[in-house]
Amino acid sequence: MSDILHSLAERTTATHLALVHGDVSPKNILVGPSGPVLLDAECAWYGDPAFDLAFCVNHLFLKSLALPGHRAGLLRSARTLAEAYVRCVDWEPRPAVEARAASLLPALLLARVDGKSPVEYLTADRHRLFVRTVASALLRAPAPTVEDVLDAWTTALTTLTESGTDRPG
């Protein structure tokens, strides 16, 4: 697994295509009169724009696990964001940026469970194990698109819900 993560880190470090915000999460997006306004760009760098898409979708995935009552809306938001983002890609072939975002997404999921900055709202061991299991499988067998990652995440969440282990806590 570490070789996959190192490879993703090296690829991301070597990709220089656009200004990357670096912290695109729902809390850093305001609705402005002419479109979204992004806040807190102190970690911006010139790099791989796929990171911003993966980073924001990652937040929506984790919240969908933590907040089952809002799951459908969060997953719909993730799908809408990914579709709109990819539709606007004009700096390179769309499948290229989408494949990079899809491969980064499971690594970012793991980072928010086992990395230096874990999300504070995933306190249940079963939720952290769920993230590790789904993300590890996606790292070993990468999905070609963010939509495919979303489908895998949604299927896994459905299984979790049907097993009866998806309860608060």
N, C-alpha and C. Protein backbone atom coordinates (compact mmCIF):
# COMPACT_ATOMS: atom_id res chain seq x y z
N MET A 1 0.83 -1.20 0.00
CA MET A 1 0.00 0.00 0.00
C MET A 1 0.87 1.26 0.00
N SER A 2 1.98 1.23 0.74
CA SER A 2 2.81 2.43 0.82
C SER A 2 3.40 2.80 -0.53
N ASP A 3 3.68 1.80 -1.38
CA ASP A 3 4.20 2.11 -2.71
C ASP A 3 3.17 2.85 -3.55
N ILE A 4 1.90 2.51 -3.40
CA ILE A 4 0.84 3.20 -4.13
C ILE A 4 0.74 4.64 -3.65
N LEU A 5 0.77 4.84 -2.34
CA LEU A 5 0.67 6.20 -1.78
C LEU A 5 1.88 7.05 -2.17
N HIS A 6 3.07 6.45 -2.14
CA HIS A 6 4.27 7.19 -2.55
C HIS A 6 4.19 7.57 -4.03
N SER A 7 3.71 6.68 -4.85
CA SER A 7 3.56 6.96 -6.27
C SER A 7 2.58 8.11 -6.51
N LEU A 8 1.46 8.11 -5.78
CA LEU A 8 0.49 9.21 -5.90
C LEU A 8 1.11 10.53 -5.46
N ALA A 9 1.86 10.50 -4.37
CA ALA A 9 2.51 11.72 -3.87
C ALA A 9 3.54 12.23 -4.89
N GLU A 10 4.32 11.34 -5.46
CA GLU A 10 5.32 11.75 -6.45
C GLU A 10 4.65 12.32 -7.70
N ARG A 11 3.59 11.68 -8.16
CA ARG A 11 2.87 12.18 -9.34
C ARG A 11 2.28 13.56 -9.06
N THR A 12 1.67 13.71 -7.89
CA THR A 12 1.06 15.00 -7.55
C THR A 12 2.12 16.09 -7.45
N THR A 13 3.25 15.77 -6.85
CA THR A 13 4.35 16.73 -6.73
C THR A 13 4.91 17.13 -8.09
N ALA A 14 4.92 16.20 -9.03
CA ALA A 14 5.51 16.46 -10.35
C ALA A 14 4.55 17.10 -11.34
N THR A 15 3.27 17.16 -11.01
CA THR A 15 2.27 17.71 -11.93
C THR A 15 2.12 19.21 -11.68
N HIS A 16 2.37 20.00 -12.72
CA HIS A 16 2.31 21.47 -12.62
C HIS A 16 1.45 21.99 -13.76
N LEU A 17 0.14 22.12 -13.50
CA LEU A 17 -0.79 22.52 -14.55
C LEU A 17 -1.57 23.80 -14.24
N ALA A 18 -1.78 24.08 -12.97
CA ALA A 18 -2.66 25.21 -12.62
C ALA A 18 -2.43 25.62 -11.18
N LEU A 19 -3.00 26.74 -10.82
CA LEU A 19 -3.01 27.16 -9.42
C LEU A 19 -4.01 26.27 -8.69
N VAL A 20 -3.56 25.63 -7.63
CA VAL A 20 -4.39 24.73 -6.83
C VAL A 20 -4.68 25.42 -5.51
N HIS A 21 -5.94 25.47 -5.13
CA HIS A 21 -6.33 26.10 -3.88
C HIS A 21 -5.75 25.35 -2.69
N GLY A 22 -5.91 24.04 -2.68
CA GLY A 22 -5.32 23.20 -1.64
C GLY A 22 -6.20 22.93 -0.44
N ASP A 23 -7.29 23.68 -0.28
CA ASP A 23 -8.19 23.47 0.86
C ASP A 23 -9.63 23.72 0.44
N VAL A 24 -10.00 23.19 -0.71
CA VAL A 24 -11.38 23.35 -1.17
C VAL A 24 -12.25 22.36 -0.40
N SER A 25 -12.94 22.90 0.57
CA SER A 25 -13.88 22.10 1.35
C SER A 25 -15.15 22.93 1.49
N PRO A 26 -16.26 22.29 1.80
CA PRO A 26 -17.52 23.05 1.91
C PRO A 26 -17.43 24.27 2.81
N LYS A 27 -16.66 24.20 3.89
CA LYS A 27 -16.56 25.33 4.80
C LYS A 27 -15.81 26.51 4.19
N ASN A 28 -15.08 26.28 3.12
CA ASN A 28 -14.31 27.35 2.47
C ASN A 28 -14.92 27.83 1.17
N ILE A 29 -16.19 27.51 0.95
CA ILE A 29 -16.88 27.95 -0.27
C ILE A 29 -18.09 28.78 0.12
N LEU A 30 -18.13 30.00 -0.36
CA LEU A 30 -19.30 30.86 -0.18
C LEU A 30 -20.00 31.00 -1.52
N VAL A 31 -21.29 31.23 -1.46
CA VAL A 31 -22.05 31.50 -2.68
C VAL A 31 -22.02 33.00 -2.91
N GLY A 32 -21.38 33.42 -4.00
CA GLY A 32 -21.29 34.83 -4.34
C GLY A 32 -22.26 35.18 -5.45
N PRO A 33 -22.42 36.47 -5.73
CA PRO A 33 -23.37 36.90 -6.76
C PRO A 33 -23.00 36.42 -8.17
N SER A 34 -21.73 36.14 -8.39
CA SER A 34 -21.30 35.69 -9.72
C SER A 34 -20.79 34.25 -9.70
N GLY A 35 -21.00 33.55 -8.61
CA GLY A 35 -20.52 32.17 -8.51
C GLY A 35 -19.82 31.96 -7.19
N PRO A 36 -19.16 30.82 -7.05
CA PRO A 36 -18.52 30.51 -5.78
C PRO A 36 -17.35 31.43 -5.46
N VAL A 37 -17.18 31.69 -4.17
CA VAL A 37 -16.04 32.45 -3.67
C VAL A 37 -15.29 31.50 -2.73
N LEU A 38 -14.01 31.25 -3.05
CA LEU A 38 -13.21 30.32 -2.25
C LEU A 38 -12.41 31.10 -1.20
N LEU A 39 -12.45 30.62 0.03
CA LEU A 39 -11.74 31.24 1.14
C LEU A 39 -10.51 30.40 1.52
N ASP A 40 -9.65 30.96 2.34
CA ASP A 40 -8.52 30.26 2.96
C ASP A 40 -7.60 29.56 1.96
N ALA A 41 -7.00 30.33 1.09
CA ALA A 41 -6.10 29.76 0.08
C ALA A 41 -4.64 29.84 0.51
N GLU A 42 -4.40 29.84 1.82
CA GLU A 42 -3.01 29.98 2.29
C GLU A 42 -2.13 28.79 1.95
N CYS A 43 -2.72 27.68 1.55
CA CYS A 43 -1.89 26.53 1.17
C CYS A 43 -1.93 26.29 -0.35
N ALA A 44 -2.25 27.33 -1.10
CA ALA A 44 -2.29 27.22 -2.56
C ALA A 44 -0.89 26.96 -3.12
N TRP A 45 -0.84 26.26 -4.24
CA TRP A 45 0.42 25.99 -4.92
C TRP A 45 0.15 25.77 -6.41
N TYR A 46 1.19 25.80 -7.20
CA TYR A 46 1.07 25.53 -8.62
C TYR A 46 1.26 24.03 -8.80
N GLY A 47 0.19 23.34 -9.19
CA GLY A 47 0.29 21.90 -9.23
C GLY A 47 -0.83 21.23 -9.99
N ASP A 48 -1.39 20.20 -9.39
CA ASP A 48 -2.39 19.37 -10.04
C ASP A 48 -3.80 19.78 -9.61
N PRO A 49 -4.58 20.36 -10.52
CA PRO A 49 -5.93 20.78 -10.17
C PRO A 49 -6.85 19.63 -9.79
N ALA A 50 -6.49 18.41 -10.12
CA ALA A 50 -7.29 17.25 -9.70
C ALA A 50 -7.36 17.16 -8.18
N PHE A 51 -6.34 17.71 -7.52
CA PHE A 51 -6.31 17.67 -6.05
C PHE A 51 -7.52 18.39 -5.46
N ASP A 52 -7.85 19.58 -5.98
CA ASP A 52 -8.97 20.34 -5.41
C ASP A 52 -10.29 19.58 -5.54
N LEU A 53 -10.52 18.96 -6.70
CA LEU A 53 -11.74 18.19 -6.87
C LEU A 53 -11.77 17.03 -5.88
N ALA A 54 -10.69 16.27 -5.81
CA ALA A 54 -10.64 15.12 -4.91
C ALA A 54 -10.79 15.55 -3.45
N PHE A 55 -10.17 16.66 -3.09
CA PHE A 55 -10.20 17.15 -1.71
C PHE A 55 -11.63 17.48 -1.28
N CYS A 56 -12.37 18.17 -2.13
CA CYS A 56 -13.73 18.56 -1.77
C CYS A 56 -14.67 17.35 -1.76
N VAL A 57 -14.57 16.49 -2.76
CA VAL A 57 -15.41 15.29 -2.79
C VAL A 57 -15.11 14.43 -1.56
N ASN A 58 -13.86 14.36 -1.16
CA ASN A 58 -13.46 13.63 0.03
C ASN A 58 -14.25 14.11 1.26
N HIS A 59 -14.34 15.41 1.42
CA HIS A 59 -15.10 15.95 2.56
C HIS A 59 -16.56 15.52 2.51
N LEU A 60 -17.14 15.58 1.32
CA LEU A 60 -18.54 15.19 1.19
C LEU A 60 -18.74 13.70 1.47
N PHE A 61 -17.80 12.87 1.04
CA PHE A 61 -17.88 11.43 1.33
C PHE A 61 -17.84 11.19 2.84
N LEU A 62 -16.87 11.79 3.51
CA LEU A 62 -16.73 11.55 4.95
C LEU A 62 -17.94 12.06 5.72
N LYS A 63 -18.48 13.20 5.33
CA LYS A 63 -19.69 13.71 5.98
C LYS A 63 -20.87 12.78 5.72
N SER A 64 -20.92 12.17 4.52
CA SER A 64 -22.02 11.25 4.22
C SER A 64 -21.98 10.02 5.11
N LEU A 65 -20.81 9.65 5.55
CA LEU A 65 -20.68 8.54 6.49
C LEU A 65 -21.08 8.98 7.90
N ALA A 66 -20.64 10.15 8.28
CA ALA A 66 -20.88 10.65 9.64
C ALA A 66 -22.31 11.11 9.86
N LEU A 67 -22.97 11.54 8.79
CA LEU A 67 -24.32 12.10 8.92
C LEU A 67 -25.31 11.32 8.04
N PRO A 68 -25.70 10.13 8.46
CA PRO A 68 -26.57 9.31 7.62
C PRO A 68 -27.88 10.00 7.22
N GLY A 69 -28.39 10.87 8.06
CA GLY A 69 -29.63 11.58 7.74
C GLY A 69 -29.48 12.57 6.59
N HIS A 70 -28.26 12.95 6.29
CA HIS A 70 -27.98 13.89 5.20
C HIS A 70 -27.25 13.22 4.04
N ARG A 71 -27.14 11.91 4.12
CA ARG A 71 -26.33 11.15 3.16
C ARG A 71 -26.73 11.40 1.72
N ALA A 72 -28.01 11.30 1.40
CA ALA A 72 -28.45 11.45 0.00
C ALA A 72 -28.06 12.81 -0.55
N GLY A 73 -28.27 13.86 0.22
CA GLY A 73 -27.93 15.21 -0.24
C GLY A 73 -26.44 15.41 -0.40
N LEU A 74 -25.66 14.86 0.53
CA LEU A 74 -24.20 14.99 0.44
C LEU A 74 -23.65 14.24 -0.77
N LEU A 75 -24.15 13.05 -1.02
CA LEU A 75 -23.70 12.28 -2.18
C LEU A 75 -24.15 12.92 -3.48
N ARG A 76 -25.34 13.48 -3.48
CA ARG A 76 -25.82 14.23 -4.66
C ARG A 76 -24.93 15.45 -4.91
N SER A 77 -24.54 16.12 -3.85
CA SER A 77 -23.63 17.27 -3.98
C SER A 77 -22.28 16.84 -4.54
N ALA A 78 -21.76 15.71 -4.07
CA ALA A 78 -20.48 15.21 -4.57
C ALA A 78 -20.58 14.90 -6.06
N ARG A 79 -21.65 14.27 -6.47
CA ARG A 79 -21.85 13.92 -7.88
C ARG A 79 -21.98 15.19 -8.73
N THR A 80 -22.77 16.14 -8.26
CA THR A 80 -22.97 17.38 -9.00
C THR A 80 -21.66 18.15 -9.14
N LEU A 81 -20.89 18.22 -8.06
CA LEU A 81 -19.60 18.90 -8.10
C LEU A 81 -18.68 18.24 -9.12
N ALA A 82 -18.55 16.93 -9.06
CA ALA A 82 -17.65 16.21 -9.97
C ALA A 82 -18.08 16.40 -11.42
N GLU A 83 -19.37 16.29 -11.69
CA GLU A 83 -19.86 16.46 -13.06
C GLU A 83 -19.59 17.87 -13.57
N ALA A 84 -19.87 18.87 -12.75
CA ALA A 84 -19.68 20.27 -13.16
C ALA A 84 -18.20 20.57 -13.35
N TYR A 85 -17.37 20.08 -12.46
CA TYR A 85 -15.92 20.32 -12.56
C TYR A 85 -15.38 19.74 -13.86
N VAL A 86 -15.68 18.49 -14.11
CA VAL A 86 -15.16 17.82 -15.30
C VAL A 86 -15.67 18.49 -16.58
N ARG A 87 -16.90 18.94 -16.55
CA ARG A 87 -17.48 19.61 -17.71
C ARG A 87 -16.71 20.88 -18.08
N CYS A 88 -16.09 21.52 -17.08
CA CYS A 88 -15.36 22.77 -17.31
C CYS A 88 -13.88 22.57 -17.65
N VAL A 89 -13.39 21.35 -17.58
CA VAL A 89 -11.97 21.09 -17.87
C VAL A 89 -11.70 21.38 -19.34
N ASP A 90 -10.77 22.32 -19.57
CA ASP A 90 -10.39 22.64 -20.95
C ASP A 90 -8.87 22.76 -21.11
N TRP A 91 -8.13 22.47 -20.06
CA TRP A 91 -6.68 22.62 -20.09
C TRP A 91 -5.95 21.32 -20.44
N GLU A 92 -6.70 20.23 -20.43
CA GLU A 92 -6.14 18.92 -20.76
C GLU A 92 -7.32 18.00 -21.06
N PRO A 93 -7.06 16.81 -21.57
CA PRO A 93 -8.18 15.88 -21.79
C PRO A 93 -8.90 15.57 -20.48
N ARG A 94 -10.20 15.63 -20.51
CA ARG A 94 -11.00 15.40 -19.30
C ARG A 94 -10.71 14.07 -18.62
N PRO A 95 -10.58 12.98 -19.37
CA PRO A 95 -10.30 11.70 -18.69
C PRO A 95 -9.00 11.72 -17.88
N ALA A 96 -8.03 12.52 -18.29
CA ALA A 96 -6.75 12.56 -17.57
C ALA A 96 -6.91 13.18 -16.18
N VAL A 97 -7.55 14.35 -16.12
CA VAL A 97 -7.73 15.00 -14.82
C VAL A 97 -8.69 14.19 -13.95
N GLU A 98 -9.68 13.59 -14.56
CA GLU A 98 -10.63 12.81 -13.78
C GLU A 98 -9.98 11.55 -13.21
N ALA A 99 -9.12 10.91 -13.98
CA ALA A 99 -8.43 9.71 -13.47
C ALA A 99 -7.51 10.07 -12.31
N ARG A 100 -6.83 11.22 -12.42
CA ARG A 100 -5.96 11.64 -11.31
C ARG A 100 -6.79 11.94 -10.06
N ALA A 101 -7.91 12.63 -10.22
CA ALA A 101 -8.78 12.93 -9.07
C ALA A 101 -9.31 11.63 -8.46
N ALA A 102 -9.72 10.70 -9.30
CA ALA A 102 -10.27 9.43 -8.81
C ALA A 102 -9.21 8.63 -8.05
N SER A 103 -7.96 8.71 -8.48
CA SER A 103 -6.91 7.96 -7.78
C SER A 103 -6.48 8.66 -6.49
N LEU A 104 -6.58 9.99 -6.44
CA LEU A 104 -6.23 10.73 -5.23
C LEU A 104 -7.29 10.57 -4.13
N LEU A 105 -8.53 10.44 -4.53
CA LEU A 105 -9.64 10.43 -3.58
C LEU A 105 -9.49 9.36 -2.48
N PRO A 106 -9.20 8.11 -2.80
CA PRO A 106 -9.06 7.15 -1.69
C PRO A 106 -7.85 7.44 -0.80
N ALA A 107 -6.80 8.01 -1.36
CA ALA A 107 -5.64 8.37 -0.53
C ALA A 107 -6.03 9.48 0.45
N LEU A 108 -6.81 10.44 -0.02
CA LEU A 108 -7.26 11.52 0.86
C LEU A 108 -8.22 11.00 1.92
N LEU A 109 -9.05 10.03 1.57
CA LEU A 109 -9.92 9.41 2.57
C LEU A 109 -9.09 8.80 3.70
N LEU A 110 -8.06 8.05 3.33
CA LEU A 110 -7.19 7.46 4.34
C LEU A 110 -6.48 8.53 5.17
N ALA A 111 -6.05 9.59 4.51
CA ALA A 111 -5.33 10.65 5.22
C ALA A 111 -6.19 11.28 6.31
N ARG A 112 -7.48 11.38 6.08
CA ARG A 112 -8.35 12.02 7.06
C ARG A 112 -8.78 11.07 8.16
N VAL A 113 -8.37 9.79 8.06
CA VAL A 113 -8.63 8.82 9.12
C VAL A 113 -7.34 8.51 9.87
N ASP A 114 -6.25 8.32 9.13
CA ASP A 114 -5.00 7.87 9.74
C ASP A 114 -3.85 8.85 9.57
N GLY A 115 -4.10 9.99 8.96
CA GLY A 115 -3.02 10.94 8.71
C GLY A 115 -2.80 11.91 9.86
N LYS A 116 -2.07 12.97 9.58
CA LYS A 116 -1.71 13.96 10.60
C LYS A 116 -2.86 14.87 10.99
N SER A 117 -3.91 14.90 10.16
CA SER A 117 -5.04 15.78 10.44
C SER A 117 -6.36 15.01 10.28
N PRO A 118 -6.63 14.06 11.18
CA PRO A 118 -7.85 13.27 11.07
C PRO A 118 -9.09 14.11 11.35
N VAL A 119 -10.18 13.79 10.67
CA VAL A 119 -11.42 14.51 10.92
C VAL A 119 -11.91 14.17 12.33
N GLU A 120 -12.40 15.17 13.01
CA GLU A 120 -12.81 15.00 14.40
C GLU A 120 -14.18 14.33 14.53
N TYR A 121 -14.94 14.27 13.46
CA TYR A 121 -16.31 13.76 13.56
C TYR A 121 -16.43 12.27 13.26
N LEU A 122 -15.36 11.60 12.90
CA LEU A 122 -15.40 10.14 12.75
C LEU A 122 -14.78 9.52 14.00
N THR A 123 -15.61 9.35 15.01
CA THR A 123 -15.11 8.86 16.29
C THR A 123 -15.33 7.37 16.47
N ALA A 124 -16.24 6.80 15.71
CA ALA A 124 -16.54 5.37 15.86
C ALA A 124 -15.50 4.53 15.12
N ASP A 125 -15.00 3.52 15.79
CA ASP A 125 -14.02 2.63 15.16
C ASP A 125 -14.58 2.01 13.88
N ARG A 126 -15.87 1.65 13.88
CA ARG A 126 -16.46 1.01 12.70
C ARG A 126 -16.46 1.96 11.50
N HIS A 127 -16.58 3.27 11.73
CA HIS A 127 -16.54 4.23 10.63
C HIS A 127 -15.12 4.37 10.09
N ARG A 128 -14.15 4.42 10.98
CA ARG A 128 -12.75 4.50 10.52
C ARG A 128 -12.36 3.22 9.77
N LEU A 129 -12.81 2.08 10.26
CA LEU A 129 -12.54 0.82 9.57
C LEU A 129 -13.22 0.80 8.20
N PHE A 130 -14.43 1.32 8.13
CA PHE A 130 -15.15 1.41 6.85
C PHE A 130 -14.33 2.22 5.84
N VAL A 131 -13.86 3.38 6.26
CA VAL A 131 -13.07 4.23 5.37
C VAL A 131 -11.80 3.49 4.93
N ARG A 132 -11.11 2.90 5.88
CA ARG A 132 -9.87 2.16 5.53
C ARG A 132 -10.15 1.05 4.52
N THR A 133 -11.23 0.32 4.73
CA THR A 133 -11.55 -0.81 3.86
C THR A 133 -11.88 -0.36 2.45
N VAL A 134 -12.77 0.62 2.34
CA VAL A 134 -13.19 1.10 1.01
C VAL A 134 -12.02 1.79 0.31
N ALA A 135 -11.31 2.65 1.02
CA ALA A 135 -10.20 3.39 0.40
C ALA A 135 -9.08 2.45 -0.03
N SER A 136 -8.76 1.47 0.78
CA SER A 136 -7.70 0.52 0.43
C SER A 136 -8.06 -0.26 -0.83
N ALA A 137 -9.30 -0.69 -0.92
CA ALA A 137 -9.74 -1.42 -2.11
C ALA A 137 -9.64 -0.54 -3.35
N LEU A 138 -10.00 0.73 -3.22
CA LEU A 138 -9.93 1.65 -4.36
C LEU A 138 -8.49 2.01 -4.72
N LEU A 139 -7.60 1.98 -3.76
CA LEU A 139 -6.19 2.22 -4.08
C LEU A 139 -5.60 1.03 -4.83
N ARG A 140 -6.00 -0.16 -4.44
CA ARG A 140 -5.46 -1.37 -5.08
C ARG A 140 -6.06 -1.60 -6.46
N ALA A 141 -7.30 -1.20 -6.66
CA ALA A 141 -7.98 -1.33 -7.96
C ALA A 141 -8.59 0.02 -8.30
N PRO A 142 -7.76 0.95 -8.82
CA PRO A 142 -8.22 2.33 -9.06
C PRO A 142 -9.41 2.42 -10.01
N ALA A 143 -10.32 3.29 -9.67
CA ALA A 143 -11.46 3.59 -10.54
C ALA A 143 -11.04 4.65 -11.55
N PRO A 144 -11.55 4.59 -12.76
CA PRO A 144 -11.14 5.55 -13.79
C PRO A 144 -11.75 6.95 -13.64
N THR A 145 -12.86 7.05 -12.93
CA THR A 145 -13.52 8.35 -12.81
C THR A 145 -13.96 8.59 -11.36
N VAL A 146 -14.18 9.85 -11.05
CA VAL A 146 -14.72 10.20 -9.73
C VAL A 146 -16.11 9.60 -9.57
N GLU A 147 -16.87 9.57 -10.64
CA GLU A 147 -18.21 8.97 -10.58
C GLU A 147 -18.12 7.48 -10.20
N ASP A 148 -17.12 6.79 -10.73
CA ASP A 148 -16.93 5.38 -10.37
C ASP A 148 -16.57 5.23 -8.88
N VAL A 149 -15.74 6.14 -8.37
CA VAL A 149 -15.41 6.13 -6.94
C VAL A 149 -16.67 6.40 -6.13
N LEU A 150 -17.46 7.35 -6.57
CA LEU A 150 -18.71 7.68 -5.90
C LEU A 150 -19.65 6.47 -5.89
N ASP A 151 -19.72 5.77 -7.00
CA ASP A 151 -20.57 4.57 -7.05
C ASP A 151 -20.08 3.51 -6.07
N ALA A 152 -18.76 3.31 -6.00
CA ALA A 152 -18.20 2.32 -5.07
C ALA A 152 -18.48 2.73 -3.63
N TRP A 153 -18.30 4.02 -3.32
CA TRP A 153 -18.57 4.52 -1.97
C TRP A 153 -20.04 4.34 -1.61
N THR A 154 -20.93 4.69 -2.53
CA THR A 154 -22.36 4.58 -2.30
C THR A 154 -22.78 3.12 -2.07
N THR A 155 -22.23 2.23 -2.88
CA THR A 155 -22.53 0.80 -2.72
C THR A 155 -22.07 0.31 -1.36
N ALA A 156 -20.88 0.71 -0.96
CA ALA A 156 -20.36 0.30 0.34
C ALA A 156 -21.21 0.87 1.48
N LEU A 157 -21.65 2.12 1.34
CA LEU A 157 -22.51 2.71 2.36
C LEU A 157 -23.84 1.97 2.46
N THR A 158 -24.38 1.56 1.32
CA THR A 158 -25.64 0.81 1.31
C THR A 158 -25.46 -0.51 2.05
N THR A 159 -24.35 -1.18 1.83
CA THR A 159 -24.05 -2.43 2.53
C THR A 159 -23.93 -2.19 4.03
N LEU A 160 -23.27 -1.10 4.40
CA LEU A 160 -23.12 -0.75 5.81
C LEU A 160 -24.49 -0.51 6.45
N THR A 161 -25.34 0.22 5.76
CA THR A 161 -26.68 0.52 6.25
C THR A 161 -27.51 -0.75 6.38
N GLU A 162 -27.45 -1.60 5.35
CA GLU A 162 -28.23 -2.84 5.37
C GLU A 162 -27.74 -3.81 6.44
N SER A 163 -26.47 -3.71 6.81
CA SER A 163 -25.95 -4.61 7.85
C SER A 163 -26.40 -4.18 9.24
N GLY A 164 -26.97 -2.96 9.34
CA GLY A 164 -27.46 -2.48 10.61
C GLY A 164 -26.39 -1.87 11.51
N THR A 165 -25.17 -1.72 10.97
CA THR A 165 -24.10 -1.15 11.80
C THR A 165 -23.94 0.35 11.59
N ASP A 166 -24.78 0.93 10.76
CA ASP A 166 -24.68 2.35 10.47
C ASP A 166 -25.62 3.12 11.40
N ARG A 167 -25.16 3.33 12.59
CA ARG A 167 -25.96 4.04 13.59
C ARG A 167 -25.09 5.15 14.20
N PRO A 168 -25.69 6.13 14.80
CA PRO A 168 -24.91 7.23 15.37
C PRO A 168 -23.86 6.73 16.36
N GLY A 169 -22.77 7.50 16.43
CA GLY A 169 -21.75 7.17 17.41
C GLY A 169 -20.49 6.91 16.77
